[in-house]
Amino acid sequence: MAGGGDGERLLPPARVALIARERRHDLDQVLDLEIRKGLGYFLHGPNAESIPDSPGAFGHPGAGGSVGWADPANGLALGFAKTLLVSPVDRWKATDALVSAKVREVLGVS
């Protein structure tokens, strides 16, 4: 979904663009946090720190610091799962946010 696949596509580019377009920016009733959402996925914002701040990027944070995201503009995707499910008080210091930031930093993408 991020890089076009190696001859195999899960979704056509037009569908990926629909997924990444902002549909809602309001209070999530489950999380009780303000969230930007596309079609079934989170978009970068103050409560989705691990999703890249890149045009068209989308993903979903999981329980206790796991995350999965795609950044089509940079042809990059990341899946990160933890076995110790803890959530720190400071979301910017959460493992998923730190790992996502470091991957983008090392690869030189936003």
PDB file of N, CA and C in Angstrom:
ATOM      1  N   MET A   1       0.817  -1.193   0.000  1.00  0.00           N
ATOM      2  CA  MET A   1       0.000   0.000   0.000  1.00  0.00           C
ATOM      3  C   MET A   1       0.861   1.258   0.000  1.00  0.00           C
ATOM      4  N   ALA A   2       2.123   1.126   0.382  1.00  0.00           N
ATOM      5  CA  ALA A   2       2.984   2.307   0.436  1.00  0.00           C
ATOM      6  C   ALA A   2       3.848   2.463  -0.804  1.00  0.00           C
ATOM      7  N   GLY A   3       4.339   1.356  -1.360  1.00  0.00           N
ATOM      8  CA  GLY A   3       5.321   1.476  -2.417  1.00  0.00           C
ATOM      9  C   GLY A   3       4.886   0.960  -3.769  1.00  0.00           C
ATOM     10  N   GLY A   4       3.656   0.554  -3.911  1.00  0.00           N
ATOM     11  CA  GLY A   4       3.199   0.070  -5.202  1.00  0.00           C
ATOM     12  C   GLY A   4       3.364  -1.417  -5.386  1.00  0.00           C
ATOM     13  N   GLY A   5       4.044  -2.085  -4.476  1.00  0.00           N
ATOM     14  CA  GLY A   5       4.210  -3.531  -4.566  1.00  0.00           C
ATOM     15  C   GLY A   5       5.259  -3.942  -5.581  1.00  0.00           C
ATOM     16  N   ASP A   6       5.659  -5.180  -5.548  1.00  0.00           N
ATOM     17  CA  ASP A   6       6.601  -5.757  -6.505  1.00  0.00           C
ATOM     18  C   ASP A   6       5.824  -6.630  -7.478  1.00  0.00           C
ATOM     19  N   GLY A   7       4.976  -5.977  -8.289  1.00  0.00           N
ATOM     20  CA  GLY A   7       4.148  -6.718  -9.218  1.00  0.00           C
ATOM     21  C   GLY A   7       2.814  -7.132  -8.640  1.00  0.00           C
ATOM     22  N   GLU A   8       2.654  -7.009  -7.339  1.00  0.00           N
ATOM     23  CA  GLU A   8       1.403  -7.346  -6.662  1.00  0.00           C
ATOM     24  C   GLU A   8       0.927  -6.126  -5.891  1.00  0.00           C
ATOM     25  N   ARG A   9      -0.301  -5.720  -6.129  1.00  0.00           N
ATOM     26  CA  ARG A   9      -0.875  -4.586  -5.395  1.00  0.00           C
ATOM     27  C   ARG A   9      -2.019  -5.082  -4.534  1.00  0.00           C
ATOM     28  N   LEU A  10      -2.048  -4.643  -3.289  1.00  0.00           N
ATOM     29  CA  LEU A  10      -3.197  -4.947  -2.433  1.00  0.00           C
ATOM     30  C   LEU A  10      -4.383  -4.084  -2.831  1.00  0.00           C
ATOM     31  N   LEU A  11      -4.110  -2.819  -3.093  1.00  0.00           N
ATOM     32  CA  LEU A  11      -5.145  -1.858  -3.455  1.00  0.00           C
ATOM     33  C   LEU A  11      -4.644  -0.968  -4.585  1.00  0.00           C
ATOM     34  N   PRO A  12      -5.534  -0.532  -5.471  1.00  0.00           N
ATOM     35  CA  PRO A  12      -5.117   0.389  -6.512  1.00  0.00           C
ATOM     36  C   PRO A  12      -4.763   1.762  -5.923  1.00  0.00           C
ATOM     37  N   PRO A  13      -3.899   2.527  -6.598  1.00  0.00           N
ATOM     38  CA  PRO A  13      -3.484   3.841  -6.075  1.00  0.00           C
ATOM     39  C   PRO A  13      -4.653   4.763  -5.733  1.00  0.00           C
ATOM     40  N   ALA A  14      -5.721   4.726  -6.522  1.00  0.00           N
ATOM     41  CA  ALA A  14      -6.874   5.593  -6.233  1.00  0.00           C
ATOM     42  C   ALA A  14      -7.505   5.245  -4.888  1.00  0.00           C
ATOM     43  N   ARG A  15      -7.548   3.962  -4.529  1.00  0.00           N
ATOM     44  CA  ARG A  15      -8.112   3.545  -3.248  1.00  0.00           C
ATOM     45  C   ARG A  15      -7.198   3.961  -2.100  1.00  0.00           C
ATOM     46  N   VAL A  16      -5.893   3.855  -2.289  1.00  0.00           N
ATOM     47  CA  VAL A  16      -4.946   4.291  -1.255  1.00  0.00           C
ATOM     48  C   VAL A  16      -5.110   5.788  -1.010  1.00  0.00           C
ATOM     49  N   ALA A  17      -5.296   6.565  -2.072  1.00  0.00           N
ATOM     50  CA  ALA A  17      -5.512   8.012  -1.925  1.00  0.00           C
ATOM     51  C   ALA A  17      -6.797   8.293  -1.142  1.00  0.00           C
ATOM     52  N   LEU A  18      -7.841   7.512  -1.380  1.00  0.00           N
ATOM     53  CA  LEU A  18      -9.090   7.679  -0.616  1.00  0.00           C
ATOM     54  C   LEU A  18      -8.880   7.380   0.865  1.00  0.00           C
ATOM     55  N   ILE A  19      -8.108   6.346   1.146  1.00  0.00           N
ATOM     56  CA  ILE A  19      -7.819   5.966   2.533  1.00  0.00           C
ATOM     57  C   ILE A  19      -7.149   7.117   3.271  1.00  0.00           C
ATOM     58  N   ALA A  20      -6.225   7.801   2.599  1.00  0.00           N
ATOM     59  CA  ALA A  20      -5.385   8.803   3.241  1.00  0.00           C
ATOM     60  C   ALA A  20      -6.011  10.198   3.292  1.00  0.00           C
ATOM     61  N   ARG A  21      -7.167  10.388   2.684  1.00  0.00           N
ATOM     62  CA  ARG A  21      -7.818  11.703   2.712  1.00  0.00           C
ATOM     63  C   ARG A  21      -8.567  11.873   4.034  1.00  0.00           C
ATOM     64  N   GLU A  22      -8.380  13.022   4.668  1.00  0.00           N
ATOM     65  CA  GLU A  22      -9.017  13.260   5.961  1.00  0.00           C
ATOM     66  C   GLU A  22     -10.537  13.242   5.825  1.00  0.00           C
ATOM     67  N   ARG A  23     -11.157  12.442   6.677  1.00  0.00           N
ATOM     68  CA  ARG A  23     -12.615  12.326   6.706  1.00  0.00           C
ATOM     69  C   ARG A  23     -13.193  12.893   7.994  1.00  0.00           C
ATOM     70  N   ARG A  24     -12.435  12.752   9.062  1.00  0.00           N
ATOM     71  CA  ARG A  24     -12.898  13.242  10.364  1.00  0.00           C
ATOM     72  C   ARG A  24     -11.729  13.840  11.122  1.00  0.00           C
ATOM     73  N   HIS A  25     -12.024  14.817  11.938  1.00  0.00           N
ATOM     74  CA  HIS A  25     -11.046  15.417  12.835  1.00  0.00           C
ATOM     75  C   HIS A  25     -11.841  15.839  14.064  1.00  0.00           C
ATOM     76  N   ASP A  26     -12.051  14.876  14.940  1.00  0.00           N
ATOM     77  CA  ASP A  26     -12.884  15.146  16.100  1.00  0.00           C
ATOM     78  C   ASP A  26     -12.553  14.184  17.241  1.00  0.00           C
ATOM     79  N   LEU A  27     -13.390  14.192  18.241  1.00  0.00           N
ATOM     80  CA  LEU A  27     -13.171  13.363  19.415  1.00  0.00           C
ATOM     81  C   LEU A  27     -13.504  11.907  19.116  1.00  0.00           C
ATOM     82  N   ASP A  28     -12.519  11.023  19.293  1.00  0.00           N
ATOM     83  CA  ASP A  28     -12.750   9.592  19.156  1.00  0.00           C
ATOM     84  C   ASP A  28     -13.501   9.133  20.396  1.00  0.00           C
ATOM     85  N   GLN A  29     -14.664   8.505  20.201  1.00  0.00           N
ATOM     86  CA  GLN A  29     -15.521   8.125  21.319  1.00  0.00           C
ATOM     87  C   GLN A  29     -14.918   7.022  22.184  1.00  0.00           C
ATOM     88  N   VAL A  30     -14.041   6.209  21.623  1.00  0.00           N
ATOM     89  CA  VAL A  30     -13.422   5.123  22.391  1.00  0.00           C
ATOM     90  C   VAL A  30     -12.193   5.626  23.140  1.00  0.00           C
ATOM     91  N   LEU A  31     -11.322   6.343  22.427  1.00  0.00           N
ATOM     92  CA  LEU A  31     -10.071   6.805  23.020  1.00  0.00           C
ATOM     93  C   LEU A  31     -10.229   8.072  23.849  1.00  0.00           C
ATOM     94  N   ASP A  32     -11.326   8.806  23.623  1.00  0.00           N
ATOM     95  CA  ASP A  32     -11.567  10.086  24.284  1.00  0.00           C
ATOM     96  C   ASP A  32     -10.430  11.072  23.996  1.00  0.00           C
ATOM     97  N   LEU A  33      -9.944  11.034  22.740  1.00  0.00           N
ATOM     98  CA  LEU A  33      -8.891  11.929  22.266  1.00  0.00           C
ATOM     99  C   LEU A  33      -9.288  12.485  20.903  1.00  0.00           C
ATOM    100  N   GLU A  34      -8.800  13.680  20.598  1.00  0.00           N
ATOM    101  CA  GLU A  34      -9.027  14.243  19.270  1.00  0.00           C
ATOM    102  C   GLU A  34      -8.131  13.519  18.266  1.00  0.00           C
ATOM    103  N   ILE A  35      -8.732  12.974  17.219  1.00  0.00           N
ATOM    104  CA  ILE A  35      -8.010  12.162  16.239  1.00  0.00           C
ATOM    105  C   ILE A  35      -8.393  12.607  14.826  1.00  0.00           C
ATOM    106  N   ARG A  36      -7.397  12.649  13.937  1.00  0.00           N
ATOM    107  CA  ARG A  36      -7.646  12.839  12.500  1.00  0.00           C
ATOM    108  C   ARG A  36      -7.739  11.450  11.884  1.00  0.00           C
ATOM    109  N   LYS A  37      -8.791  11.212  11.108  1.00  0.00           N
ATOM    110  CA  LYS A  37      -8.975   9.889  10.521  1.00  0.00           C
ATOM    111  C   LYS A  37      -9.244   9.988   9.033  1.00  0.00           C
ATOM    112  N   GLY A  38      -8.684   9.007   8.323  1.00  0.00           N
ATOM    113  CA  GLY A  38      -8.998   8.792   6.926  1.00  0.00           C
ATOM    114  C   GLY A  38     -10.047   7.695   6.862  1.00  0.00           C
ATOM    115  N   LEU A  39     -10.027   6.937   5.800  1.00  0.00           N
ATOM    116  CA  LEU A  39     -10.997   5.859   5.616  1.00  0.00           C
ATOM    117  C   LEU A  39     -10.512   4.612   6.356  1.00  0.00           C
ATOM    118  N   GLY A  40     -10.812   4.536   7.651  1.00  0.00           N
ATOM    119  CA  GLY A  40     -10.441   3.389   8.466  1.00  0.00           C
ATOM    120  C   GLY A  40      -9.074   3.474   9.124  1.00  0.00           C
ATOM    121  N   TYR A  41      -8.333   4.533   8.893  1.00  0.00           N
ATOM    122  CA  TYR A  41      -6.982   4.672   9.432  1.00  0.00           C
ATOM    123  C   TYR A  41      -6.802   6.027  10.087  1.00  0.00           C
ATOM    124  N   PHE A  42      -5.806   6.117  10.956  1.00  0.00           N
ATOM    125  CA  PHE A  42      -5.443   7.385  11.567  1.00  0.00           C
ATOM    126  C   PHE A  42      -4.518   8.141  10.615  1.00  0.00           C
ATOM    127  N   LEU A  43      -4.560   9.463  10.727  1.00  0.00           N
ATOM    128  CA  LEU A  43      -3.628  10.331  10.020  1.00  0.00           C
ATOM    129  C   LEU A  43      -2.776  11.019  11.083  1.00  0.00           C
ATOM    130  N   HIS A  44      -1.638  11.577  10.677  1.00  0.00           N
ATOM    131  CA  HIS A  44      -0.758  12.231  11.651  1.00  0.00           C
ATOM    132  C   HIS A  44      -1.521  13.319  12.408  1.00  0.00           C
ATOM    133  N   GLY A  45      -1.228  13.445  13.671  1.00  0.00           N
ATOM    134  CA  GLY A  45      -1.846  14.477  14.494  1.00  0.00           C
ATOM    135  C   GLY A  45      -1.336  14.381  15.909  1.00  0.00           C
ATOM    136  N   PRO A  46      -1.870  15.229  16.787  1.00  0.00           N
ATOM    137  CA  PRO A  46      -1.350  15.288  18.156  1.00  0.00           C
ATOM    138  C   PRO A  46      -1.534  14.000  18.950  1.00  0.00           C
ATOM    139  N   ASN A  47      -2.441  13.131  18.559  1.00  0.00           N
ATOM    140  CA  ASN A  47      -2.648  11.884  19.285  1.00  0.00           C
ATOM    141  C   ASN A  47      -2.331  10.655  18.445  1.00  0.00           C
ATOM    142  N   ALA A  48      -1.613  10.858  17.349  1.00  0.00           N
ATOM    143  CA  ALA A  48      -1.142   9.755  16.501  1.00  0.00           C
ATOM    144  C   ALA A  48       0.285  10.073  16.076  1.00  0.00           C
ATOM    145  N   GLU A  49       1.151  10.234  17.072  1.00  0.00           N
ATOM    146  CA  GLU A  49       2.517  10.692  16.859  1.00  0.00           C
ATOM    147  C   GLU A  49       3.351   9.763  16.000  1.00  0.00           C
ATOM    148  N   SER A  50       3.039   8.480  16.022  1.00  0.00           N
ATOM    149  CA  SER A  50       3.866   7.522  15.294  1.00  0.00           C
ATOM    150  C   SER A  50       3.536   7.481  13.801  1.00  0.00           C
ATOM    151  N   ILE A  51       2.424   8.082  13.370  1.00  0.00           N
ATOM    152  CA  ILE A  51       2.080   8.140  11.946  1.00  0.00           C
ATOM    153  C   ILE A  51       2.901   9.275  11.326  1.00  0.00           C
ATOM    154  N   PRO A  52       3.609   9.035  10.227  1.00  0.00           N
ATOM    155  CA  PRO A  52       4.437  10.089   9.638  1.00  0.00           C
ATOM    156  C   PRO A  52       3.633  11.324   9.252  1.00  0.00           C
ATOM    157  N   ASP A  53       4.245  12.484   9.426  1.00  0.00           N
ATOM    158  CA  ASP A  53       3.654  13.747   8.983  1.00  0.00           C
ATOM    159  C   ASP A  53       4.096  13.962   7.540  1.00  0.00           C
ATOM    160  N   SER A  54       3.525  13.165   6.654  1.00  0.00           N
ATOM    161  CA  SER A  54       3.891  13.150   5.240  1.00  0.00           C
ATOM    162  C   SER A  54       2.596  13.112   4.431  1.00  0.00           C
ATOM    163  N   PRO A  55       2.540  13.794   3.289  1.00  0.00           N
ATOM    164  CA  PRO A  55       1.311  13.782   2.493  1.00  0.00           C
ATOM    165  C   PRO A  55       0.885  12.350   2.143  1.00  0.00           C
ATOM    166  N   GLY A  56      -0.341  12.005   2.487  1.00  0.00           N
ATOM    167  CA  GLY A  56      -0.870  10.692   2.145  1.00  0.00           C
ATOM    168  C   GLY A  56      -0.543   9.573   3.106  1.00  0.00           C
ATOM    169  N   ALA A  57       0.206   9.852   4.182  1.00  0.00           N
ATOM    170  CA  ALA A  57       0.561   8.806   5.144  1.00  0.00           C
ATOM    171  C   ALA A  57      -0.636   8.462   6.025  1.00  0.00           C
ATOM    172  N   PHE A  58      -0.742   7.196   6.383  1.00  0.00           N
ATOM    173  CA  PHE A  58      -1.835   6.731   7.225  1.00  0.00           C
ATOM    174  C   PHE A  58      -1.391   5.496   7.975  1.00  0.00           C
ATOM    175  N   GLY A  59      -2.097   5.154   9.034  1.00  0.00           N
ATOM    176  CA  GLY A  59      -1.764   3.957   9.789  1.00  0.00           C
ATOM    177  C   GLY A  59      -2.684   3.803  10.972  1.00  0.00           C
ATOM    178  N   HIS A  60      -2.273   2.957  11.901  1.00  0.00           N
ATOM    179  CA  HIS A  60      -3.084   2.760  13.096  1.00  0.00           C
ATOM    180  C   HIS A  60      -2.195   2.332  14.249  1.00  0.00           C
ATOM    181  N   PRO A  61      -2.196   3.123  15.327  1.00  0.00           N
ATOM    182  CA  PRO A  61      -1.477   2.689  16.521  1.00  0.00           C
ATOM    183  C   PRO A  61      -2.252   1.557  17.178  1.00  0.00           C
ATOM    184  N   GLY A  62      -1.525   0.677  17.827  1.00  0.00           N
ATOM    185  CA  GLY A  62      -2.171  -0.454  18.479  1.00  0.00           C
ATOM    186  C   GLY A  62      -2.019  -0.387  19.978  1.00  0.00           C
ATOM    187  N   ALA A  63      -2.464  -1.402  20.630  1.00  0.00           N
ATOM    188  CA  ALA A  63      -2.422  -1.459  22.093  1.00  0.00           C
ATOM    189  C   ALA A  63      -0.991  -1.474  22.602  1.00  0.00           C
ATOM    190  N   GLY A  64      -0.725  -0.660  23.598  1.00  0.00           N
ATOM    191  CA  GLY A  64       0.535  -0.701  24.316  1.00  0.00           C
ATOM    192  C   GLY A  64       1.768  -0.298  23.544  1.00  0.00           C
ATOM    193  N   GLY A  65       1.624   0.393  22.419  1.00  0.00           N
ATOM    194  CA  GLY A  65       2.794   0.899  21.706  1.00  0.00           C
ATOM    195  C   GLY A  65       3.114   0.200  20.404  1.00  0.00           C
ATOM    196  N   SER A  66       2.260  -0.674  19.922  1.00  0.00           N
ATOM    197  CA  SER A  66       2.443  -1.256  18.592  1.00  0.00           C
ATOM    198  C   SER A  66       1.903  -0.266  17.562  1.00  0.00           C
ATOM    199  N   VAL A  67       2.357  -0.369  16.324  1.00  0.00           N
ATOM    200  CA  VAL A  67       1.880   0.546  15.283  1.00  0.00           C
ATOM    201  C   VAL A  67       2.118  -0.072  13.916  1.00  0.00           C
ATOM    202  N   GLY A  68       1.309   0.331  12.973  1.00  0.00           N
ATOM    203  CA  GLY A  68       1.525   0.009  11.570  1.00  0.00           C
ATOM    204  C   GLY A  68       1.175   1.238  10.765  1.00  0.00           C
ATOM    205  N   TRP A  69       2.021   1.611   9.804  1.00  0.00           N
ATOM    206  CA  TRP A  69       1.711   2.758   8.970  1.00  0.00           C
ATOM    207  C   TRP A  69       2.312   2.618   7.579  1.00  0.00           C
ATOM    208  N   ALA A  70       1.743   3.385   6.652  1.00  0.00           N
ATOM    209  CA  ALA A  70       2.239   3.443   5.277  1.00  0.00           C
ATOM    210  C   ALA A  70       2.439   4.901   4.908  1.00  0.00           C
ATOM    211  N   ASP A  71       3.516   5.163   4.198  1.00  0.00           N
ATOM    212  CA  ASP A  71       3.848   6.509   3.729  1.00  0.00           C
ATOM    213  C   ASP A  71       4.083   6.419   2.221  1.00  0.00           C
ATOM    214  N   PRO A  72       3.003   6.464   1.414  1.00  0.00           N
ATOM    215  CA  PRO A  72       3.143   6.295  -0.034  1.00  0.00           C
ATOM    216  C   PRO A  72       4.059   7.325  -0.687  1.00  0.00           C
ATOM    217  N   ALA A  73       4.088   8.559  -0.183  1.00  0.00           N
ATOM    218  CA  ALA A  73       4.920   9.603  -0.787  1.00  0.00           C
ATOM    219  C   ALA A  73       6.399   9.235  -0.747  1.00  0.00           C
ATOM    220  N   ASN A  74       6.797   8.483   0.276  1.00  0.00           N
ATOM    221  CA  ASN A  74       8.197   8.076   0.420  1.00  0.00           C
ATOM    222  C   ASN A  74       8.414   6.594   0.149  1.00  0.00           C
ATOM    223  N   GLY A  75       7.359   5.868  -0.241  1.00  0.00           N
ATOM    224  CA  GLY A  75       7.490   4.443  -0.531  1.00  0.00           C
ATOM    225  C   GLY A  75       7.921   3.635   0.667  1.00  0.00           C
ATOM    226  N   LEU A  76       7.393   3.975   1.830  1.00  0.00           N
ATOM    227  CA  LEU A  76       7.851   3.365   3.075  1.00  0.00           C
ATOM    228  C   LEU A  76       6.667   2.891   3.911  1.00  0.00           C
ATOM    229  N   ALA A  77       6.819   1.742   4.548  1.00  0.00           N
ATOM    230  CA  ALA A  77       5.823   1.250   5.487  1.00  0.00           C
ATOM    231  C   ALA A  77       6.540   0.638   6.678  1.00  0.00           C
ATOM    232  N   LEU A  78       5.860   0.638   7.821  1.00  0.00           N
ATOM    233  CA  LEU A  78       6.451   0.096   9.038  1.00  0.00           C
ATOM    234  C   LEU A  78       5.390  -0.647   9.824  1.00  0.00           C
ATOM    235  N   GLY A  79       5.740  -1.801  10.307  1.00  0.00           N
ATOM    236  CA  GLY A  79       4.907  -2.539  11.246  1.00  0.00           C
ATOM    237  C   GLY A  79       5.764  -2.831  12.465  1.00  0.00           C
ATOM    238  N   PHE A  80       5.268  -2.490  13.639  1.00  0.00           N
ATOM    239  CA  PHE A  80       6.044  -2.628  14.866  1.00  0.00           C
ATOM    240  C   PHE A  80       5.122  -3.193  15.940  1.00  0.00           C
ATOM    241  N   ALA A  81       5.441  -4.374  16.448  1.00  0.00           N
ATOM    242  CA  ALA A  81       4.620  -5.006  17.482  1.00  0.00           C
ATOM    243  C   ALA A  81       5.467  -5.262  18.724  1.00  0.00           C
ATOM    244  N   LYS A  82       4.872  -5.046  19.868  1.00  0.00           N
ATOM    245  CA  LYS A  82       5.573  -5.233  21.136  1.00  0.00           C
ATOM    246  C   LYS A  82       4.974  -6.405  21.907  1.00  0.00           C
ATOM    247  N   THR A  83       5.755  -6.929  22.823  1.00  0.00           N
ATOM    248  CA  THR A  83       5.242  -7.965  23.701  1.00  0.00           C
ATOM    249  C   THR A  83       4.910  -7.402  25.082  1.00  0.00           C
ATOM    250  N   LEU A  84       5.528  -6.302  25.453  1.00  0.00           N
ATOM    251  CA  LEU A  84       5.229  -5.648  26.731  1.00  0.00           C
ATOM    252  C   LEU A  84       4.286  -4.489  26.435  1.00  0.00           C
ATOM    253  N   LEU A  85       3.018  -4.674  26.729  1.00  0.00           N
ATOM    254  CA  LEU A  85       2.008  -3.685  26.363  1.00  0.00           C
ATOM    255  C   LEU A  85       1.840  -2.637  27.446  1.00  0.00           C
ATOM    256  N   VAL A  86       2.633  -1.575  27.329  1.00  0.00           N
ATOM    257  CA  VAL A  86       2.530  -0.450  28.259  1.00  0.00           C
ATOM    258  C   VAL A  86       2.419   0.835  27.451  1.00  0.00           C
ATOM    259  N   SER A  87       1.731   1.799  28.011  1.00  0.00           N
ATOM    260  CA  SER A  87       1.580   3.105  27.376  1.00  0.00           C
ATOM    261  C   SER A  87       2.113   4.171  28.324  1.00  0.00           C
ATOM    262  N   PRO A  88       3.152   4.896  27.920  1.00  0.00           N
ATOM    263  CA  PRO A  88       3.716   5.923  28.799  1.00  0.00           C
ATOM    264  C   PRO A  88       2.795   7.143  28.886  1.00  0.00           C
ATOM    265  N   VAL A  89       3.001   7.930  29.915  1.00  0.00           N
ATOM    266  CA  VAL A  89       2.215   9.153  30.091  1.00  0.00           C
ATOM    267  C   VAL A  89       2.510  10.129  28.957  1.00  0.00           C
ATOM    268  N   ASP A  90       3.757  10.269  28.572  1.00  0.00           N
ATOM    269  CA  ASP A  90       4.162  11.173  27.485  1.00  0.00           C
ATOM    270  C   ASP A  90       4.188  10.392  26.176  1.00  0.00           C
ATOM    271  N   ARG A  91       3.178  10.585  25.324  1.00  0.00           N
ATOM    272  CA  ARG A  91       3.071   9.847  24.058  1.00  0.00           C
ATOM    273  C   ARG A  91       4.275  10.054  23.156  1.00  0.00           C
ATOM    274  N   TRP A  92       4.948  11.188  23.236  1.00  0.00           N
ATOM    275  CA  TRP A  92       6.102  11.439  22.371  1.00  0.00           C
ATOM    276  C   TRP A  92       7.300  10.602  22.786  1.00  0.00           C
ATOM    277  N   LYS A  93       7.250  10.007  23.976  1.00  0.00           N
ATOM    278  CA  LYS A  93       8.325   9.127  24.441  1.00  0.00           C
ATOM    279  C   LYS A  93       7.938   7.653  24.342  1.00  0.00           C
ATOM    280  N   ALA A  94       6.785   7.378  23.760  1.00  0.00           N
ATOM    281  CA  ALA A  94       6.342   5.998  23.593  1.00  0.00           C
ATOM    282  C   ALA A  94       7.228   5.296  22.574  1.00  0.00           C
ATOM    283  N   THR A  95       7.414   3.994  22.754  1.00  0.00           N
ATOM    284  CA  THR A  95       8.290   3.222  21.875  1.00  0.00           C
ATOM    285  C   THR A  95       7.888   3.342  20.409  1.00  0.00           C
ATOM    286  N   ASP A  96       6.594   3.260  20.113  1.00  0.00           N
ATOM    287  CA  ASP A  96       6.165   3.341  18.714  1.00  0.00           C
ATOM    288  C   ASP A  96       6.508   4.691  18.100  1.00  0.00           C
ATOM    289  N   ALA A  97       6.343   5.777  18.855  1.00  0.00           N
ATOM    290  CA  ALA A  97       6.672   7.106  18.347  1.00  0.00           C
ATOM    291  C   ALA A  97       8.184   7.246  18.152  1.00  0.00           C
ATOM    292  N   LEU A  98       8.981   6.730  19.093  1.00  0.00           N
ATOM    293  CA  LEU A  98      10.450   6.824  18.998  1.00  0.00           C
ATOM    294  C   LEU A  98      10.990   5.986  17.835  1.00  0.00           C
ATOM    295  N   VAL A  99      10.500   4.759  17.697  1.00  0.00           N
ATOM    296  CA  VAL A  99      10.959   3.889  16.610  1.00  0.00           C
ATOM    297  C   VAL A  99      10.563   4.481  15.258  1.00  0.00           C
ATOM    298  N   SER A 100       9.327   4.945  15.126  1.00  0.00           N
ATOM    299  CA  SER A 100       8.879   5.546  13.870  1.00  0.00           C
ATOM    300  C   SER A 100       9.722   6.764  13.510  1.00  0.00           C
ATOM    301  N   ALA A 101       9.979   7.628  14.492  1.00  0.00           N
ATOM    302  CA  ALA A 101      10.794   8.824  14.245  1.00  0.00           C
ATOM    303  C   ALA A 101      12.217   8.449  13.829  1.00  0.00           C
ATOM    304  N   LYS A 102      12.809   7.466  14.481  1.00  0.00           N
ATOM    305  CA  LYS A 102      14.186   7.066  14.168  1.00  0.00           C
ATOM    306  C   LYS A 102      14.280   6.445  12.778  1.00  0.00           C
ATOM    307  N   VAL A 103      13.316   5.623  12.396  1.00  0.00           N
ATOM    308  CA  VAL A 103      13.312   5.028  11.046  1.00  0.00           C
ATOM    309  C   VAL A 103      13.261   6.135   9.997  1.00  0.00           C
ATOM    310  N   ARG A 104      12.367   7.104  10.182  1.00  0.00           N
ATOM    311  CA  ARG A 104      12.262   8.202   9.213  1.00  0.00           C
ATOM    312  C   ARG A 104      13.537   9.050   9.204  1.00  0.00           C
ATOM    313  N   GLU A 105      14.118   9.273  10.381  1.00  0.00           N
ATOM    314  CA  GLU A 105      15.356  10.057  10.460  1.00  0.00           C
ATOM    315  C   GLU A 105      16.501   9.360   9.706  1.00  0.00           C
ATOM    316  N   VAL A 106      16.693   8.090   9.975  1.00  0.00           N
ATOM    317  CA  VAL A 106      17.790   7.334   9.346  1.00  0.00           C
ATOM    318  C   VAL A 106      17.618   7.284   7.832  1.00  0.00           C
ATOM    319  N   LEU A 107      16.357   7.149   7.369  1.00  0.00           N
ATOM    320  CA  LEU A 107      16.112   7.098   5.934  1.00  0.00           C
ATOM    321  C   LEU A 107      16.004   8.473   5.287  1.00  0.00           C
ATOM    322  N   GLY A 108      16.040   9.520   6.114  1.00  0.00           N
ATOM    323  CA  GLY A 108      16.004  10.871   5.587  1.00  0.00           C
ATOM    324  C   GLY A 108      14.661  11.282   5.009  1.00  0.00           C
ATOM    325  N   VAL A 109      13.573  10.772   5.598  1.00  0.00           N
ATOM    326  CA  VAL A 109      12.226  11.165   5.158  1.00  0.00           C
ATOM    327  C   VAL A 109      11.517  11.863   6.304  1.00  0.00           C
ATOM    328  N   SER A 110      10.496  12.639   5.964  1.00  0.00           N
ATOM    329  CA  SER A 110       9.797  13.430   6.994  1.00  0.00           C
ATOM    330  C   SER A 110       9.007  12.554   7.929  1.00  0.00           C
TER     331      SER A 110
END
